[in-house]
C-alpha cells in the first residue's frame, strides 16, 4: 500500500511505533499519513522520526533527517493549523539550526506569529531577520516592512522611530523609504507631546529630534 495507503496501514504503523523506537518506521508512517491527508498524525510521525534520528546519532546517514523535518512542516502547513505550523518551524530550528532551509523557516516562523496576532513576538523576530546579513536581501526587506507594519498595529510610535532608522542604516536599497517613515514618526511623536501634558524634559527631547531632522528634499 505504499502508493495508496489506507487508514488501516497508518493504524498499523501507529501500533508498531508505539511499541518500538524505530526512526525508519516513523518516517514511512509520516509519508503514508500525509498521503491520506491525516496531517496531524503525519506531523506526529515525522516529529518522532526526527527526534529518534537525533537520539540515535544518524543525522548524517541519509536524507531521512531533513525529510522528516520538512515533512513535519508540510503536514503542518497543509493542516491550516497555525499552532501546528509554529511547532513544525520551531522543531526544524531546534534540531537543525544550520539546515539548508534555516532562513526560510525563520521567516515563516516570524510570519506565523504575525498571522496569529502575536504582534509583540512577531516584531522581535522580524527585526532580527531584517538586521541579519546572512539572510537574503529579499527576506530582509520583507521582514523590515512587516516589522514596521506590526509596530503600527501595536501603535508603538517609539518603536517605529527606532526600527525605521535601524532599517534605513542597514538596508541601503530602501533607505529613502525608511527615512521617510522615521521622519514621519518624529512628527507624530511631536504632535503627541504637544497634545498631552508631558514634562518639560519630554518637550526638550522631542525638540532635539525635530531640530536634527534634515529638511533636504
C-alpha atoms as a PDB file:
ATOM      1  CA  UNK A   1       0.000   0.000   0.000  1.00  0.00           C
ATOM      2  CA  UNK A   2       2.945   2.368  -0.387  1.00  0.00           C
ATOM      3  CA  UNK A   3       1.382   4.358  -3.211  1.00  0.00           C
ATOM      4  CA  UNK A   4      -2.220   4.258  -1.999  1.00  0.00           C
ATOM      5  CA  UNK A   5      -2.063   3.795   1.759  1.00  0.00           C
ATOM      6  CA  UNK A   6      -5.215   3.003   3.724  1.00  0.00           C
ATOM      7  CA  UNK A   7      -6.331   4.147   7.148  1.00  0.00           C
ATOM      8  CA  UNK A   8      -5.586   0.621   8.357  1.00  0.00           C
ATOM      9  CA  UNK A   9      -1.960   0.914   7.288  1.00  0.00           C
ATOM     10  CA  UNK A  10      -1.439   4.109   9.262  1.00  0.00           C
ATOM     11  CA  UNK A  11      -3.072   2.496  12.299  1.00  0.00           C
ATOM     12  CA  UNK A  12      -0.705  -0.457  11.935  1.00  0.00           C
ATOM     13  CA  UNK A  13       2.213   1.980  11.799  1.00  0.00           C
ATOM     14  CA  UNK A  14       0.844   3.645  14.919  1.00  0.00           C
ATOM     15  CA  UNK A  15       0.659   0.335  16.805  1.00  0.00           C
ATOM     16  CA  UNK A  16       4.202  -0.522  15.778  1.00  0.00           C
ATOM     17  CA  UNK A  17       5.766   2.840  16.608  1.00  0.00           C
ATOM     18  CA  UNK A  18       4.040   2.943  19.984  1.00  0.00           C
ATOM     19  CA  UNK A  19       5.950  -0.222  20.896  1.00  0.00           C
ATOM     20  CA  UNK A  20       9.271   0.260  19.106  1.00  0.00           C
ATOM     21  CA  UNK A  21      11.505   3.330  18.764  1.00  0.00           C
ATOM     22  CA  UNK A  22      12.066   2.902  15.038  1.00  0.00           C
ATOM     23  CA  UNK A  23      13.073   6.043  13.136  1.00  0.00           C
ATOM     24  CA  UNK A  24      12.559   4.479   9.704  1.00  0.00           C
ATOM     25  CA  UNK A  25       9.080   3.172  10.514  1.00  0.00           C
ATOM     26  CA  UNK A  26       8.035   6.586  11.865  1.00  0.00           C
ATOM     27  CA  UNK A  27       9.299   8.215   8.679  1.00  0.00           C
ATOM     28  CA  UNK A  28       7.299   5.880   6.404  1.00  0.00           C
ATOM     29  CA  UNK A  29       4.293   6.296   8.688  1.00  0.00           C
ATOM     30  CA  UNK A  30       4.560  10.051   8.218  1.00  0.00           C
ATOM     31  CA  UNK A  31       4.588   9.667   4.456  1.00  0.00           C
ATOM     32  CA  UNK A  32       1.585   7.338   4.479  1.00  0.00           C
ATOM     33  CA  UNK A  33      -0.407   9.640   6.768  1.00  0.00           C
ATOM     34  CA  UNK A  34       0.432  12.644   4.585  1.00  0.00           C
ATOM     35  CA  UNK A  35      -0.923  10.870   1.505  1.00  0.00           C
ATOM     36  CA  UNK A  36      -4.300  10.225   3.140  1.00  0.00           C
ATOM     37  CA  UNK A  37      -4.437  13.814   4.433  1.00  0.00           C
ATOM     38  CA  UNK A  38      -4.171  12.829   8.085  1.00  0.00           C
ATOM     39  CA  UNK A  39      -1.996  15.850   8.692  1.00  0.00           C
ATOM     40  CA  UNK A  40      -1.855  15.989  12.491  1.00  0.00           C
ATOM     41  CA  UNK A  41      -0.892  12.301  12.649  1.00  0.00           C
ATOM     42  CA  UNK A  42       1.679  12.798   9.870  1.00  0.00           C
ATOM     43  CA  UNK A  43       3.225  15.639  11.839  1.00  0.00           C
ATOM     44  CA  UNK A  44       3.477  13.404  14.910  1.00  0.00           C
ATOM     45  CA  UNK A  45       5.190  10.610  12.988  1.00  0.00           C
ATOM     46  CA  UNK A  46       7.674  12.942  11.296  1.00  0.00           C
ATOM     47  CA  UNK A  47       8.458  14.658  14.602  1.00  0.00           C
ATOM     48  CA  UNK A  48       9.100  11.283  16.254  1.00  0.00           C
ATOM     49  CA  UNK A  49      11.330  10.223  13.356  1.00  0.00           C
ATOM     50  CA  UNK A  50      13.416  13.410  13.566  1.00  0.00           C
ATOM     51  CA  UNK A  51      13.837  13.139  17.333  1.00  0.00           C
ATOM     52  CA  UNK A  52      14.855   9.470  17.081  1.00  0.00           C
ATOM     53  CA  UNK A  53      17.402  10.263  14.371  1.00  0.00           C
ATOM     54  CA  UNK A  54      18.978  12.877  16.655  1.00  0.00           C
ATOM     55  CA  UNK A  55      18.883  10.482  19.595  1.00  0.00           C
ATOM     56  CA  UNK A  56      20.483   7.675  17.553  1.00  0.00           C
ATOM     57  CA  UNK A  57      23.149   9.953  16.090  1.00  0.00           C
ATOM     58  CA  UNK A  58      22.209   9.126  12.495  1.00  0.00           C
ATOM     59  CA  UNK A  59      21.603  12.672  11.218  1.00  0.00           C
ATOM     60  CA  UNK A  60      24.257  12.348   8.519  1.00  0.00           C
ATOM     61  CA  UNK A  61      23.380   8.856   7.321  1.00  0.00           C
ATOM     62  CA  UNK A  62      20.995   9.933   4.561  1.00  0.00           C
ATOM     63  CA  UNK A  63      18.234  12.317   3.613  1.00  0.00           C
ATOM     64  CA  UNK A  64      15.712  10.991   6.114  1.00  0.00           C
ATOM     65  CA  UNK A  65      16.538  13.583   8.801  1.00  0.00           C
ATOM     66  CA  UNK A  66      15.933  16.632   6.603  1.00  0.00           C
ATOM     67  CA  UNK A  67      12.995  14.804   5.018  1.00  0.00           C
ATOM     68  CA  UNK A  68      11.392  14.238   8.413  1.00  0.00           C
ATOM     69  CA  UNK A  69      11.699  17.893   9.398  1.00  0.00           C
ATOM     70  CA  UNK A  70      10.419  19.154   6.050  1.00  0.00           C
ATOM     71  CA  UNK A  71       7.659  16.535   6.129  1.00  0.00           C
ATOM     72  CA  UNK A  72       6.557  17.850   9.525  1.00  0.00           C
ATOM     73  CA  UNK A  73       6.454  21.374   8.070  1.00  0.00           C
ATOM     74  CA  UNK A  74       4.497  20.237   5.011  1.00  0.00           C
ATOM     75  CA  UNK A  75       1.961  18.375   7.165  1.00  0.00           C
ATOM     76  CA  UNK A  76       1.554  21.375   9.478  1.00  0.00           C
ATOM     77  CA  UNK A  77       1.108  23.816   6.581  1.00  0.00           C
ATOM     78  CA  UNK A  78      -1.455  21.573   4.870  1.00  0.00           C
ATOM     79  CA  UNK A  79      -3.363  21.245   8.136  1.00  0.00           C
ATOM     80  CA  UNK A  80      -4.005  25.034   8.152  1.00  0.00           C
ATOM     81  CA  UNK A  81      -3.374  24.886  11.892  1.00  0.00           C
ATOM     82  CA  UNK A  82      -1.296  27.903  12.867  1.00  0.00           C
ATOM     83  CA  UNK A  83      -0.162  26.398  16.190  1.00  0.00           C
ATOM     84  CA  UNK A  84       0.987  23.215  14.452  1.00  0.00           C
ATOM     85  CA  UNK A  85       2.939  25.346  11.990  1.00  0.00           C
ATOM     86  CA  UNK A  86       4.719  27.151  14.815  1.00  0.00           C
ATOM     87  CA  UNK A  87       5.608  23.769  16.322  1.00  0.00           C
ATOM     88  CA  UNK A  88       6.934  22.490  12.977  1.00  0.00           C
ATOM     89  CA  UNK A  89       9.099  25.548  12.295  1.00  0.00           C
ATOM     90  CA  UNK A  90      10.406  25.519  15.870  1.00  0.00           C
ATOM     91  CA  UNK A  91      11.209  21.800  15.588  1.00  0.00           C
ATOM     92  CA  UNK A  92      13.278  22.424  12.457  1.00  0.00           C
ATOM     93  CA  UNK A  93      15.255  25.243  14.060  1.00  0.00           C
ATOM     94  CA  UNK A  94      15.773  23.376  17.334  1.00  0.00           C
ATOM     95  CA  UNK A  95      17.058  20.181  15.724  1.00  0.00           C
ATOM     96  CA  UNK A  96      18.679  21.532  12.571  1.00  0.00           C
ATOM     97  CA  UNK A  97      19.796  25.093  13.326  1.00  0.00           C
ATOM     98  CA  UNK A  98      22.164  25.187  10.327  1.00  0.00           C
ATOM     99  CA  UNK A  99      19.895  23.367   7.877  1.00  0.00           C
ATOM    100  CA  UNK A 100      19.580  24.369   4.225  1.00  0.00           C
ATOM    101  CA  UNK A 101      16.125  25.855   4.796  1.00  0.00           C
ATOM    102  CA  UNK A 102      17.043  27.662   8.011  1.00  0.00           C
ATOM    103  CA  UNK A 103      16.435  31.211   6.818  1.00  0.00           C
ATOM    104  CA  UNK A 104      13.156  30.431   5.041  1.00  0.00           C
ATOM    105  CA  UNK A 105      11.905  28.602   8.137  1.00  0.00           C
ATOM    106  CA  UNK A 106      12.882  31.507  10.406  1.00  0.00           C
ATOM    107  CA  UNK A 107      10.881  33.869   8.189  1.00  0.00           C
ATOM    108  CA  UNK A 108       7.866  31.529   8.166  1.00  0.00           C
ATOM    109  CA  UNK A 109       8.017  31.258  11.953  1.00  0.00           C
ATOM    110  CA  UNK A 110       8.016  35.047  12.322  1.00  0.00           C
ATOM    111  CA  UNK A 111       5.126  35.280   9.858  1.00  0.00           C
ATOM    112  CA  UNK A 112       3.181  32.682  11.847  1.00  0.00           C
ATOM    113  CA  UNK A 113       3.397  34.849  14.965  1.00  0.00           C
ATOM    114  CA  UNK A 114       2.108  37.748  12.849  1.00  0.00           C
ATOM    115  CA  UNK A 115      -0.775  35.664  11.482  1.00  0.00           C
ATOM    116  CA  UNK A 116      -1.969  34.583  14.909  1.00  0.00           C
ATOM    117  CA  UNK A 117      -1.835  38.202  16.151  1.00  0.00           C
ATOM    118  CA  UNK A 118       1.107  37.621  18.471  1.00  0.00           C
ATOM    119  CA  UNK A 119       2.445  41.008  17.432  1.00  0.00           C
ATOM    120  CA  UNK A 120       4.959  41.516  20.222  1.00  0.00           C
ATOM    121  CA  UNK A 121       6.774  38.304  19.321  1.00  0.00           C
ATOM    122  CA  UNK A 122       6.418  38.970  15.585  1.00  0.00           C
ATOM    123  CA  UNK A 123       8.160  42.364  15.946  1.00  0.00           C
ATOM    124  CA  UNK A 124      11.091  40.756  17.776  1.00  0.00           C
ATOM    125  CA  UNK A 125      11.523  38.039  15.142  1.00  0.00           C
ATOM    126  CA  UNK A 126      11.065  40.292  12.087  1.00  0.00           C
ATOM    127  CA  UNK A 127      13.602  42.792  13.436  1.00  0.00           C
ATOM    128  CA  UNK A 128      16.182  40.032  13.936  1.00  0.00           C
ATOM    129  CA  UNK A 129      15.715  38.834  10.362  1.00  0.00           C
ATOM    130  CA  UNK A 130      15.817  42.329   8.857  1.00  0.00           C
ATOM    131  CA  UNK A 131      19.169  43.066  10.520  1.00  0.00           C
ATOM    132  CA  UNK A 132      20.686  39.612   9.846  1.00  0.00           C
ATOM    133  CA  UNK A 133      23.209  39.886   6.993  1.00  0.00           C
ATOM    134  CA  UNK A 134      23.133  36.100   6.445  1.00  0.00           C
ATOM    135  CA  UNK A 135      19.537  36.391   5.191  1.00  0.00           C
ATOM    136  CA  UNK A 136      18.739  37.047   1.537  1.00  0.00           C
ATOM    137  CA  UNK A 137      18.049  40.704   0.783  1.00  0.00           C
ATOM    138  CA  UNK A 138      14.516  39.846  -0.326  1.00  0.00           C
ATOM    139  CA  UNK A 139      13.641  38.260   3.035  1.00  0.00           C
ATOM    140  CA  UNK A 140      15.396  41.043   4.948  1.00  0.00           C
ATOM    141  CA  UNK A 141      13.334  43.719   3.210  1.00  0.00           C
ATOM    142  CA  UNK A 142      10.094  41.759   3.659  1.00  0.00           C
ATOM    143  CA  UNK A 143      10.919  41.317   7.342  1.00  0.00           C
ATOM    144  CA  UNK A 144      11.667  45.029   7.787  1.00  0.00           C
ATOM    145  CA  UNK A 145       8.380  46.018   6.141  1.00  0.00           C
ATOM    146  CA  UNK A 146       6.396  43.579   8.283  1.00  0.00           C
ATOM    147  CA  UNK A 147       8.224  44.696  11.427  1.00  0.00           C
ATOM    148  CA  UNK A 148       7.126  48.284  10.798  1.00  0.00           C
ATOM    149  CA  UNK A 149       3.594  47.177   9.865  1.00  0.00           C
ATOM    150  CA  UNK A 150       3.412  45.339  13.183  1.00  0.00           C
ATOM    151  CA  UNK A 151       4.716  48.389  15.057  1.00  0.00           C
ATOM    152  CA  UNK A 152       1.819  50.327  13.517  1.00  0.00           C
ATOM    153  CA  UNK A 153      -0.669  47.655  14.642  1.00  0.00           C
ATOM    154  CA  UNK A 154       0.793  47.937  18.145  1.00  0.00           C
ATOM    155  CA  UNK A 155       0.512  51.753  17.892  1.00  0.00           C
ATOM    156  CA  UNK A 156       4.057  51.985  19.190  1.00  0.00           C
ATOM    157  CA  UNK A 157       5.449  55.247  17.795  1.00  0.00           C
ATOM    158  CA  UNK A 158       8.753  54.903  19.672  1.00  0.00           C
ATOM    159  CA  UNK A 159       9.419  51.510  18.076  1.00  0.00           C
ATOM    160  CA  UNK A 160       8.503  52.810  14.625  1.00  0.00           C
ATOM    161  CA  UNK A 161      11.048  55.593  15.090  1.00  0.00           C
ATOM    162  CA  UNK A 162      13.803  53.259  16.334  1.00  0.00           C
ATOM    163  CA  UNK A 163      13.220  50.447  13.841  1.00  0.00           C
ATOM    164  CA  UNK A 164      12.806  52.654  10.767  1.00  0.00           C
ATOM    165  CA  UNK A 165      16.160  54.346  11.456  1.00  0.00           C
ATOM    166  CA  UNK A 166      17.839  50.979  12.006  1.00  0.00           C
ATOM    167  CA  UNK A 167      16.493  49.686   8.700  1.00  0.00           C
ATOM    168  CA  UNK A 168      17.464  52.885   6.871  1.00  0.00           C
ATOM    169  CA  UNK A 169      21.057  52.344   8.006  1.00  0.00           C
ATOM    170  CA  UNK A 170      21.098  48.599   7.311  1.00  0.00           C
ATOM    171  CA  UNK A 171      19.073  48.252   4.108  1.00  0.00           C
ATOM    172  CA  UNK A 172      20.514  50.837   1.769  1.00  0.00           C
ATOM    173  CA  UNK A 173      18.329  49.855  -1.192  1.00  0.00           C
ATOM    174  CA  UNK A 174      15.238  51.107   0.688  1.00  0.00           C
ATOM    175  CA  UNK A 175      16.970  53.711   2.848  1.00  0.00           C
ATOM    176  CA  UNK A 176      14.915  56.626   1.486  1.00  0.00           C
ATOM    177  CA  UNK A 177      11.630  54.856   2.196  1.00  0.00           C
ATOM    178  CA  UNK A 178      12.606  54.013   5.773  1.00  0.00           C
ATOM    179  CA  UNK A 179      13.955  57.520   6.437  1.00  0.00           C
ATOM    180  CA  UNK A 180      10.603  58.951   5.332  1.00  0.00           C
ATOM    181  CA  UNK A 181       8.876  56.692   7.862  1.00  0.00           C
ATOM    182  CA  UNK A 182      11.402  57.763  10.503  1.00  0.00           C
ATOM    183  CA  UNK A 183      10.776  61.473   9.878  1.00  0.00           C
ATOM    184  CA  UNK A 184       7.003  60.946   9.982  1.00  0.00           C
ATOM    185  CA  UNK A 185       7.301  59.058  13.268  1.00  0.00           C
ATOM    186  CA  UNK A 186       9.168  62.012  14.825  1.00  0.00           C
ATOM    187  CA  UNK A 187       6.454  64.396  13.635  1.00  0.00           C
ATOM    188  CA  UNK A 188       3.771  62.097  15.053  1.00  0.00           C
ATOM    189  CA  UNK A 189       5.694  61.896  18.317  1.00  0.00           C
ATOM    190  CA  UNK A 190       5.932  65.673  18.432  1.00  0.00           C
ATOM    191  CA  UNK A 191       2.185  66.009  17.946  1.00  0.00           C
ATOM    192  CA  UNK A 192       1.611  63.565  20.791  1.00  0.00           C
ATOM    193  CA  UNK A 193       3.893  65.578  23.107  1.00  0.00           C
ATOM    194  CA  UNK A 194       2.177  68.839  22.190  1.00  0.00           C
ATOM    195  CA  UNK A 195      -1.323  67.441  22.668  1.00  0.00           C
ATOM    196  CA  UNK A 196      -0.698  65.796  26.027  1.00  0.00           C
ATOM    197  CA  UNK A 197       0.613  67.143  29.285  1.00  0.00           C
ATOM    198  CA  UNK A 198       4.187  65.914  29.261  1.00  0.00           C
ATOM    199  CA  UNK A 199       7.141  67.059  31.354  1.00  0.00           C
ATOM    200  CA  UNK A 200       9.499  69.821  30.219  1.00  0.00           C
ATOM    201  CA  UNK A 201      12.113  67.120  29.598  1.00  0.00           C
ATOM    202  CA  UNK A 202       9.794  65.410  27.117  1.00  0.00           C
ATOM    203  CA  UNK A 203       9.348  68.714  25.280  1.00  0.00           C
ATOM    204  CA  UNK A 204      13.119  69.255  25.157  1.00  0.00           C
ATOM    205  CA  UNK A 205      13.839  65.722  23.966  1.00  0.00           C
ATOM    206  CA  UNK A 206      11.304  65.998  21.180  1.00  0.00           C
ATOM    207  CA  UNK A 207      12.580  69.420  20.164  1.00  0.00           C
ATOM    208  CA  UNK A 208      16.084  67.945  19.811  1.00  0.00           C
ATOM    209  CA  UNK A 209      14.703  65.268  17.495  1.00  0.00           C
ATOM    210  CA  UNK A 210      12.871  67.844  15.380  1.00  0.00           C
ATOM    211  CA  UNK A 211      15.939  70.072  15.198  1.00  0.00           C
ATOM    212  CA  UNK A 212      18.087  67.177  13.989  1.00  0.00           C
ATOM    213  CA  UNK A 213      15.810  66.373  11.065  1.00  0.00           C
ATOM    214  CA  UNK A 214      17.290  67.139   7.655  1.00  0.00           C
ATOM    215  CA  UNK A 215      14.933  69.256   5.569  1.00  0.00           C
ATOM    216  CA  UNK A 216      16.778  68.398   2.352  1.00  0.00           C
ATOM    217  CA  UNK A 217      14.384  67.330  -0.425  1.00  0.00           C
END
